[in-house]
């Protein structure tokens, strides 16, 4: 069994758009992020990103995680550690 999954993007049937409703924004964000993290896409993109872009992205993601998750949630949900 894989530790990580990207099922939402595979089953979501609704529109992908932003600014129309909070619910649609949330669903669209999941679709965008799951498409963005696709292995084939990242294989191409990673070598095209500058060092600054990589660091900015990591800083942004870790900042979100620090603001919105407890340490326990970070380990359980992001790192998928079993406690």
PDB file of N, CA and C in Angstrom:
ATOM      1  N   UNK A   1       0.833  -1.192   0.000  1.00  0.00           N
ATOM      2  CA  UNK A   1       0.000   0.000   0.000  1.00  0.00           C
ATOM      3  C   UNK A   1       0.877   1.255   0.000  1.00  0.00           C
ATOM      4  N   UNK A   2       0.596   2.178  -0.875  1.00  0.00           N
ATOM      5  CA  UNK A   2       1.354   3.427  -0.934  1.00  0.00           C
ATOM      6  C   UNK A   2       1.044   4.295   0.268  1.00  0.00           C
ATOM      7  N   UNK A   3       2.043   5.011   0.748  1.00  0.00           N
ATOM      8  CA  UNK A   3       1.827   5.928   1.872  1.00  0.00           C
ATOM      9  C   UNK A   3       1.114   7.193   1.442  1.00  0.00           C
ATOM     10  N   UNK A   4       1.290   7.606   0.204  1.00  0.00           N
ATOM     11  CA  UNK A   4       0.691   8.851  -0.279  1.00  0.00           C
ATOM     12  C   UNK A   4      -0.303   8.543  -1.390  1.00  0.00           C
ATOM     13  N   UNK A   5      -1.289   9.407  -1.538  1.00  0.00           N
ATOM     14  CA  UNK A   5      -2.286   9.199  -2.587  1.00  0.00           C
ATOM     15  C   UNK A   5      -2.661  10.532  -3.232  1.00  0.00           C
ATOM     16  N   UNK A   6      -3.149  10.434  -4.429  1.00  0.00           N
ATOM     17  CA  UNK A   6      -3.649  11.594  -5.166  1.00  0.00           C
ATOM     18  C   UNK A   6      -4.965  11.196  -5.839  1.00  0.00           C
ATOM     19  N   UNK A   7      -5.904  10.737  -5.054  1.00  0.00           N
ATOM     20  CA  UNK A   7      -7.153  10.234  -5.614  1.00  0.00           C
ATOM     21  C   UNK A   7      -8.140  11.330  -5.987  1.00  0.00           C
ATOM     22  N   UNK A   8      -8.125  12.457  -5.284  1.00  0.00           N
ATOM     23  CA  UNK A   8      -9.105  13.506  -5.531  1.00  0.00           C
ATOM     24  C   UNK A   8      -9.092  13.950  -6.990  1.00  0.00           C
ATOM     25  N   UNK A   9      -7.911  14.202  -7.519  1.00  0.00           N
ATOM     26  CA  UNK A   9      -7.790  14.664  -8.901  1.00  0.00           C
ATOM     27  C   UNK A   9      -8.316  13.619  -9.888  1.00  0.00           C
ATOM     28  N   UNK A  10      -8.271  12.360  -9.507  1.00  0.00           N
ATOM     29  CA  UNK A  10      -8.742  11.281 -10.386  1.00  0.00           C
ATOM     30  C   UNK A  10     -10.258  11.140 -10.382  1.00  0.00           C
ATOM     31  N   UNK A  11     -10.919  11.511  -9.276  1.00  0.00           N
ATOM     32  CA  UNK A  11     -12.359  11.276  -9.179  1.00  0.00           C
ATOM     33  C   UNK A  11     -13.200  12.552  -9.246  1.00  0.00           C
ATOM     34  N   UNK A  12     -12.584  13.712  -9.056  1.00  0.00           N
ATOM     35  CA  UNK A  12     -13.332  14.974  -9.038  1.00  0.00           C
ATOM     36  C   UNK A  12     -13.962  15.233 -10.403  1.00  0.00           C
ATOM     37  N   UNK A  13     -15.238  15.526 -10.394  1.00  0.00           N
ATOM     38  CA  UNK A  13     -15.989  15.730 -11.635  1.00  0.00           C
ATOM     39  C   UNK A  13     -16.391  17.189 -11.856  1.00  0.00           C
ATOM     40  N   UNK A  14     -16.180  18.028 -10.871  1.00  0.00           N
ATOM     41  CA  UNK A  14     -16.640  19.411 -10.954  1.00  0.00           C
ATOM     42  C   UNK A  14     -15.707  20.306 -11.738  1.00  0.00           C
ATOM     43  N   UNK A  15     -16.092  21.569 -11.841  1.00  0.00           N
ATOM     44  CA  UNK A  15     -15.252  22.541 -12.550  1.00  0.00           C
ATOM     45  C   UNK A  15     -14.017  22.898 -11.732  1.00  0.00           C
ATOM     46  N   UNK A  16     -13.018  23.400 -12.406  1.00  0.00           N
ATOM     47  CA  UNK A  16     -11.815  23.914 -11.751  1.00  0.00           C
ATOM     48  C   UNK A  16     -11.778  25.407 -12.056  1.00  0.00           C
ATOM     49  N   UNK A  17     -12.028  26.179 -11.022  1.00  0.00           N
ATOM     50  CA  UNK A  17     -12.072  27.635 -11.163  1.00  0.00           C
ATOM     51  C   UNK A  17     -11.880  28.247  -9.788  1.00  0.00           C
ATOM     52  N   UNK A  18     -11.484  29.487  -9.771  1.00  0.00           N
ATOM     53  CA  UNK A  18     -11.259  30.174  -8.504  1.00  0.00           C
ATOM     54  C   UNK A  18     -12.076  31.461  -8.465  1.00  0.00           C
ATOM     55  N   UNK A  19     -12.495  31.828  -7.253  1.00  0.00           N
ATOM     56  CA  UNK A  19     -13.176  33.091  -7.043  1.00  0.00           C
ATOM     57  C   UNK A  19     -14.690  33.031  -7.075  1.00  0.00           C
ATOM     58  N   UNK A  20     -15.266  31.873  -7.322  1.00  0.00           N
ATOM     59  CA  UNK A  20     -16.724  31.772  -7.397  1.00  0.00           C
ATOM     60  C   UNK A  20     -17.339  31.351  -6.068  1.00  0.00           C
ATOM     61  N   UNK A  21     -16.677  30.490  -5.327  1.00  0.00           N
ATOM     62  CA  UNK A  21     -17.152  30.069  -4.005  1.00  0.00           C
ATOM     63  C   UNK A  21     -15.997  29.439  -3.249  1.00  0.00           C
ATOM     64  N   UNK A  22     -16.100  29.447  -1.954  1.00  0.00           N
ATOM     65  CA  UNK A  22     -15.053  28.836  -1.129  1.00  0.00           C
ATOM     66  C   UNK A  22     -14.944  27.342  -1.431  1.00  0.00           C
ATOM     67  N   UNK A  23     -16.083  26.665  -1.549  1.00  0.00           N
ATOM     68  CA  UNK A  23     -16.084  25.220  -1.822  1.00  0.00           C
ATOM     69  C   UNK A  23     -15.391  24.909  -3.150  1.00  0.00           C
ATOM     70  N   UNK A  24     -15.690  25.677  -4.186  1.00  0.00           N
ATOM     71  CA  UNK A  24     -15.054  25.460  -5.486  1.00  0.00           C
ATOM     72  C   UNK A  24     -13.565  25.808  -5.423  1.00  0.00           C
ATOM     73  N   UNK A  25     -13.210  26.860  -4.695  1.00  0.00           N
ATOM     74  CA  UNK A  25     -11.798  27.214  -4.519  1.00  0.00           C
ATOM     75  C   UNK A  25     -11.030  26.071  -3.865  1.00  0.00           C
ATOM     76  N   UNK A  26     -11.610  25.481  -2.805  1.00  0.00           N
ATOM     77  CA  UNK A  26     -10.946  24.382  -2.099  1.00  0.00           C
ATOM     78  C   UNK A  26     -10.750  23.176  -3.014  1.00  0.00           C
ATOM     79  N   UNK A  27     -11.792  22.801  -3.752  1.00  0.00           N
ATOM     80  CA  UNK A  27     -11.687  21.657  -4.671  1.00  0.00           C
ATOM     81  C   UNK A  27     -10.679  21.935  -5.772  1.00  0.00           C
ATOM     82  N   UNK A  28     -10.721  23.130  -6.318  1.00  0.00           N
ATOM     83  CA  UNK A  28      -9.798  23.498  -7.397  1.00  0.00           C
ATOM     84  C   UNK A  28      -8.352  23.517  -6.911  1.00  0.00           C
ATOM     85  N   UNK A  29      -8.136  23.979  -5.669  1.00  0.00           N
ATOM     86  CA  UNK A  29      -6.790  23.976  -5.099  1.00  0.00           C
ATOM     87  C   UNK A  29      -6.242  22.561  -5.008  1.00  0.00           C
ATOM     88  N   UNK A  30      -7.071  21.629  -4.549  1.00  0.00           N
ATOM     89  CA  UNK A  30      -6.624  20.232  -4.460  1.00  0.00           C
ATOM     90  C   UNK A  30      -6.260  19.712  -5.843  1.00  0.00           C
ATOM     91  N   UNK A  31      -7.101  19.968  -6.834  1.00  0.00           N
ATOM     92  CA  UNK A  31      -6.823  19.504  -8.199  1.00  0.00           C
ATOM     93  C   UNK A  31      -5.504  20.093  -8.698  1.00  0.00           C
ATOM     94  N   UNK A  32      -5.317  21.403  -8.543  1.00  0.00           N
ATOM     95  CA  UNK A  32      -4.086  22.047  -9.004  1.00  0.00           C
ATOM     96  C   UNK A  32      -2.852  21.461  -8.324  1.00  0.00           C
ATOM     97  N   UNK A  33      -2.901  21.320  -7.005  1.00  0.00           N
ATOM     98  CA  UNK A  33      -1.730  20.820  -6.273  1.00  0.00           C
ATOM     99  C   UNK A  33      -1.433  19.364  -6.605  1.00  0.00           C
ATOM    100  N   UNK A  34      -2.472  18.554  -6.769  1.00  0.00           N
ATOM    101  CA  UNK A  34      -2.223  17.156  -7.109  1.00  0.00           C
ATOM    102  C   UNK A  34      -1.688  17.023  -8.532  1.00  0.00           C
ATOM    103  N   UNK A  35      -2.181  17.837  -9.455  1.00  0.00           N
ATOM    104  CA  UNK A  35      -1.611  17.825 -10.813  1.00  0.00           C
ATOM    105  C   UNK A  35      -0.172  18.328 -10.785  1.00  0.00           C
ATOM    106  N   UNK A  36       0.078  19.372  -9.997  1.00  0.00           N
ATOM    107  CA  UNK A  36       1.411  19.957  -9.908  1.00  0.00           C
ATOM    108  C   UNK A  36       2.429  18.955  -9.379  1.00  0.00           C
ATOM    109  N   UNK A  37       2.019  18.111  -8.444  1.00  0.00           N
ATOM    110  CA  UNK A  37       2.962  17.174  -7.835  1.00  0.00           C
ATOM    111  C   UNK A  37       3.091  15.858  -8.599  1.00  0.00           C
ATOM    112  N   UNK A  38       2.475  15.770  -9.748  1.00  0.00           N
ATOM    113  CA  UNK A  38       2.595  14.563 -10.583  1.00  0.00           C
ATOM    114  C   UNK A  38       4.068  14.283 -10.897  1.00  0.00           C
ATOM    115  N   UNK A  39       4.460  13.032 -10.790  1.00  0.00           N
ATOM    116  CA  UNK A  39       5.871  12.664 -10.996  1.00  0.00           C
ATOM    117  C   UNK A  39       6.406  13.093 -12.361  1.00  0.00           C
ATOM    118  N   UNK A  40       5.651  12.893 -13.411  1.00  0.00           N
ATOM    119  CA  UNK A  40       6.144  13.250 -14.760  1.00  0.00           C
ATOM    120  C   UNK A  40       6.292  14.758 -14.907  1.00  0.00           C
ATOM    121  N   UNK A  41       5.324  15.509 -14.380  1.00  0.00           N
ATOM    122  CA  UNK A  41       5.415  16.962 -14.452  1.00  0.00           C
ATOM    123  C   UNK A  41       6.626  17.464 -13.673  1.00  0.00           C
ATOM    124  N   UNK A  42       6.805  16.959 -12.459  1.00  0.00           N
ATOM    125  CA  UNK A  42       7.922  17.410 -11.637  1.00  0.00           C
ATOM    126  C   UNK A  42       9.274  16.997 -12.205  1.00  0.00           C
ATOM    127  N   UNK A  43       9.321  15.875 -12.892  1.00  0.00           N
ATOM    128  CA  UNK A  43      10.573  15.449 -13.534  1.00  0.00           C
ATOM    129  C   UNK A  43      11.053  16.509 -14.530  1.00  0.00           C
ATOM    130  N   UNK A  44      10.128  17.109 -15.255  1.00  0.00           N
ATOM    131  CA  UNK A  44      10.480  18.149 -16.229  1.00  0.00           C
ATOM    132  C   UNK A  44      10.726  19.487 -15.534  1.00  0.00           C
ATOM    133  N   UNK A  45       9.826  19.842 -14.614  1.00  0.00           N
ATOM    134  CA  UNK A  45       9.893  21.169 -14.002  1.00  0.00           C
ATOM    135  C   UNK A  45      11.096  21.359 -13.080  1.00  0.00           C
ATOM    136  N   UNK A  46      11.478  20.330 -12.343  1.00  0.00           N
ATOM    137  CA  UNK A  46      12.494  20.504 -11.299  1.00  0.00           C
ATOM    138  C   UNK A  46      13.811  21.060 -11.827  1.00  0.00           C
ATOM    139  N   UNK A  47      14.240  20.648 -12.994  1.00  0.00           N
ATOM    140  CA  UNK A  47      15.509  21.148 -13.526  1.00  0.00           C
ATOM    141  C   UNK A  47      15.371  22.555 -14.118  1.00  0.00           C
ATOM    142  N   UNK A  48      14.139  23.003 -14.313  1.00  0.00           N
ATOM    143  CA  UNK A  48      13.914  24.334 -14.874  1.00  0.00           C
ATOM    144  C   UNK A  48      13.737  25.408 -13.805  1.00  0.00           C
ATOM    145  N   UNK A  49      13.512  24.987 -12.576  1.00  0.00           N
ATOM    146  CA  UNK A  49      13.347  25.938 -11.482  1.00  0.00           C
ATOM    147  C   UNK A  49      14.703  26.484 -11.055  1.00  0.00           C
ATOM    148  N   UNK A  50      14.734  27.767 -10.762  1.00  0.00           N
ATOM    149  CA  UNK A  50      15.967  28.350 -10.220  1.00  0.00           C
ATOM    150  C   UNK A  50      16.105  27.946  -8.757  1.00  0.00           C
ATOM    151  N   UNK A  51      17.310  28.092  -8.218  1.00  0.00           N
ATOM    152  CA  UNK A  51      17.520  27.828  -6.797  1.00  0.00           C
ATOM    153  C   UNK A  51      16.590  28.691  -5.953  1.00  0.00           C
ATOM    154  N   UNK A  52      16.423  29.941  -6.357  1.00  0.00           N
ATOM    155  CA  UNK A  52      15.547  30.862  -5.634  1.00  0.00           C
ATOM    156  C   UNK A  52      14.088  30.379  -5.677  1.00  0.00           C
ATOM    157  N   UNK A  53      13.644  29.898  -6.809  1.00  0.00           N
ATOM    158  CA  UNK A  53      12.267  29.389  -6.914  1.00  0.00           C
ATOM    159  C   UNK A  53      12.056  28.157  -6.041  1.00  0.00           C
ATOM    160  N   UNK A  54      13.042  27.284  -6.007  1.00  0.00           N
ATOM    161  CA  UNK A  54      12.945  26.094  -5.149  1.00  0.00           C
ATOM    162  C   UNK A  54      12.853  26.513  -3.689  1.00  0.00           C
ATOM    163  N   UNK A  55      13.739  27.387  -3.239  1.00  0.00           N
ATOM    164  CA  UNK A  55      13.730  27.820  -1.847  1.00  0.00           C
ATOM    165  C   UNK A  55      12.456  28.577  -1.490  1.00  0.00           C
ATOM    166  N   UNK A  56      11.976  29.415  -2.395  1.00  0.00           N
ATOM    167  CA  UNK A  56      10.728  30.154  -2.158  1.00  0.00           C
ATOM    168  C   UNK A  56       9.553  29.181  -1.997  1.00  0.00           C
ATOM    169  N   UNK A  57       9.493  28.169  -2.836  1.00  0.00           N
ATOM    170  CA  UNK A  57       8.416  27.181  -2.769  1.00  0.00           C
ATOM    171  C   UNK A  57       8.467  26.418  -1.455  1.00  0.00           C
ATOM    172  N   UNK A  58       9.651  25.976  -1.060  1.00  0.00           N
ATOM    173  CA  UNK A  58       9.813  25.241   0.192  1.00  0.00           C
ATOM    174  C   UNK A  58       9.468  26.129   1.384  1.00  0.00           C
ATOM    175  N   UNK A  59       9.912  27.374   1.365  1.00  0.00           N
ATOM    176  CA  UNK A  59       9.582  28.304   2.449  1.00  0.00           C
ATOM    177  C   UNK A  59       8.070  28.510   2.545  1.00  0.00           C
ATOM    178  N   UNK A  60       7.402  28.646   1.424  1.00  0.00           N
ATOM    179  CA  UNK A  60       5.957  28.857   1.408  1.00  0.00           C
ATOM    180  C   UNK A  60       5.224  27.632   1.966  1.00  0.00           C
ATOM    181  N   UNK A  61       5.618  26.446   1.510  1.00  0.00           N
ATOM    182  CA  UNK A  61       4.961  25.213   1.965  1.00  0.00           C
ATOM    183  C   UNK A  61       5.216  24.985   3.455  1.00  0.00           C
ATOM    184  N   UNK A  62       6.449  25.106   3.896  1.00  0.00           N
ATOM    185  CA  UNK A  62       6.728  24.876   5.317  1.00  0.00           C
ATOM    186  C   UNK A  62       6.048  25.925   6.189  1.00  0.00           C
ATOM    187  N   UNK A  63       5.929  27.134   5.697  1.00  0.00           N
ATOM    188  CA  UNK A  63       5.207  28.172   6.438  1.00  0.00           C
ATOM    189  C   UNK A  63       3.743  27.807   6.619  1.00  0.00           C
ATOM    190  N   UNK A  64       3.112  27.320   5.564  1.00  0.00           N
ATOM    191  CA  UNK A  64       1.717  26.876   5.669  1.00  0.00           C
ATOM    192  C   UNK A  64       1.583  25.743   6.675  1.00  0.00           C
ATOM    193  N   UNK A  65       2.475  24.778   6.602  1.00  0.00           N
ATOM    194  CA  UNK A  65       2.420  23.642   7.519  1.00  0.00           C
ATOM    195  C   UNK A  65       2.587  24.092   8.965  1.00  0.00           C
ATOM    196  N   UNK A  66       3.528  24.997   9.217  1.00  0.00           N
ATOM    197  CA  UNK A  66       3.756  25.485  10.583  1.00  0.00           C
ATOM    198  C   UNK A  66       2.542  26.245  11.125  1.00  0.00           C
ATOM    199  N   UNK A  67       1.892  27.032  10.263  1.00  0.00           N
ATOM    200  CA  UNK A  67       0.749  27.833  10.699  1.00  0.00           C
ATOM    201  C   UNK A  67      -0.508  27.007  10.937  1.00  0.00           C
ATOM    202  N   UNK A  68      -0.670  25.924  10.208  1.00  0.00           N
ATOM    203  CA  UNK A  68      -1.960  25.233  10.214  1.00  0.00           C
ATOM    204  C   UNK A  68      -1.959  23.835  10.822  1.00  0.00           C
ATOM    205  N   UNK A  69      -0.800  23.322  11.215  1.00  0.00           N
ATOM    206  CA  UNK A  69      -0.738  21.983  11.779  1.00  0.00           C
ATOM    207  C   UNK A  69       0.015  21.989  13.102  1.00  0.00           C
ATOM    208  N   UNK A  70      -0.433  21.151  14.001  1.00  0.00           N
ATOM    209  CA  UNK A  70       0.340  20.894  15.215  1.00  0.00           C
ATOM    210  C   UNK A  70       1.514  20.004  14.815  1.00  0.00           C
ATOM    211  N   UNK A  71       2.465  19.860  15.726  1.00  0.00           N
ATOM    212  CA  UNK A  71       3.603  18.986  15.443  1.00  0.00           C
ATOM    213  C   UNK A  71       3.139  17.549  15.190  1.00  0.00           C
ATOM    214  N   UNK A  72       2.168  17.104  15.986  1.00  0.00           N
ATOM    215  CA  UNK A  72       1.637  15.745  15.822  1.00  0.00           C
ATOM    216  C   UNK A  72       0.977  15.576  14.457  1.00  0.00           C
ATOM    217  N   UNK A  73       0.199  16.565  14.029  1.00  0.00           N
ATOM    218  CA  UNK A  73      -0.452  16.497  12.711  1.00  0.00           C
ATOM    219  C   UNK A  73       0.579  16.499  11.590  1.00  0.00           C
ATOM    220  N   UNK A  74       1.612  17.313  11.737  1.00  0.00           N
ATOM    221  CA  UNK A  74       2.684  17.364  10.743  1.00  0.00           C
ATOM    222  C   UNK A  74       3.313  15.986  10.553  1.00  0.00           C
ATOM    223  N   UNK A  75       3.635  15.329  11.664  1.00  0.00           N
ATOM    224  CA  UNK A  75       4.269  14.006  11.583  1.00  0.00           C
ATOM    225  C   UNK A  75       3.300  12.954  11.043  1.00  0.00           C
ATOM    226  N   UNK A  76       2.047  13.035  11.459  1.00  0.00           N
ATOM    227  CA  UNK A  76       1.069  12.022  11.049  1.00  0.00           C
ATOM    228  C   UNK A  76       0.578  12.250   9.620  1.00  0.00           C
ATOM    229  N   UNK A  77       0.251  13.488   9.272  1.00  0.00           N
ATOM    230  CA  UNK A  77      -0.367  13.762   7.970  1.00  0.00           C
ATOM    231  C   UNK A  77       0.636  14.065   6.854  1.00  0.00           C
ATOM    232  N   UNK A  78       1.657  14.844   7.151  1.00  0.00           N
ATOM    233  CA  UNK A  78       2.619  15.213   6.108  1.00  0.00           C
ATOM    234  C   UNK A  78       3.717  14.176   5.965  1.00  0.00           C
ATOM    235  N   UNK A  79       4.361  13.824   7.068  1.00  0.00           N
ATOM    236  CA  UNK A  79       5.454  12.850   7.010  1.00  0.00           C
ATOM    237  C   UNK A  79       4.947  11.407   6.965  1.00  0.00           C
ATOM    238  N   UNK A  80       3.687  11.216   7.322  1.00  0.00           N
ATOM    239  CA  UNK A  80       3.049   9.888   7.348  1.00  0.00           C
ATOM    240  C   UNK A  80       3.774   8.936   8.284  1.00  0.00           C
ATOM    241  N   UNK A  81       4.254   9.473   9.392  1.00  0.00           N
ATOM    242  CA  UNK A  81       4.877   8.639  10.399  1.00  0.00           C
ATOM    243  C   UNK A  81       3.790   7.988  11.239  1.00  0.00           C
ATOM    244  N   UNK A  82       4.008   6.782  11.607  1.00  0.00           N
ATOM    245  CA  UNK A  82       3.048   6.071  12.445  1.00  0.00           C
ATOM    246  C   UNK A  82       3.550   6.101  13.874  1.00  0.00           C
ATOM    247  N   UNK A  83       2.699   6.578  14.776  1.00  0.00           N
ATOM    248  CA  UNK A  83       3.124   6.755  16.148  1.00  0.00           C
ATOM    249  C   UNK A  83       2.708   5.751  17.100  1.00  0.00           C
TER     250      UNK A  83
END
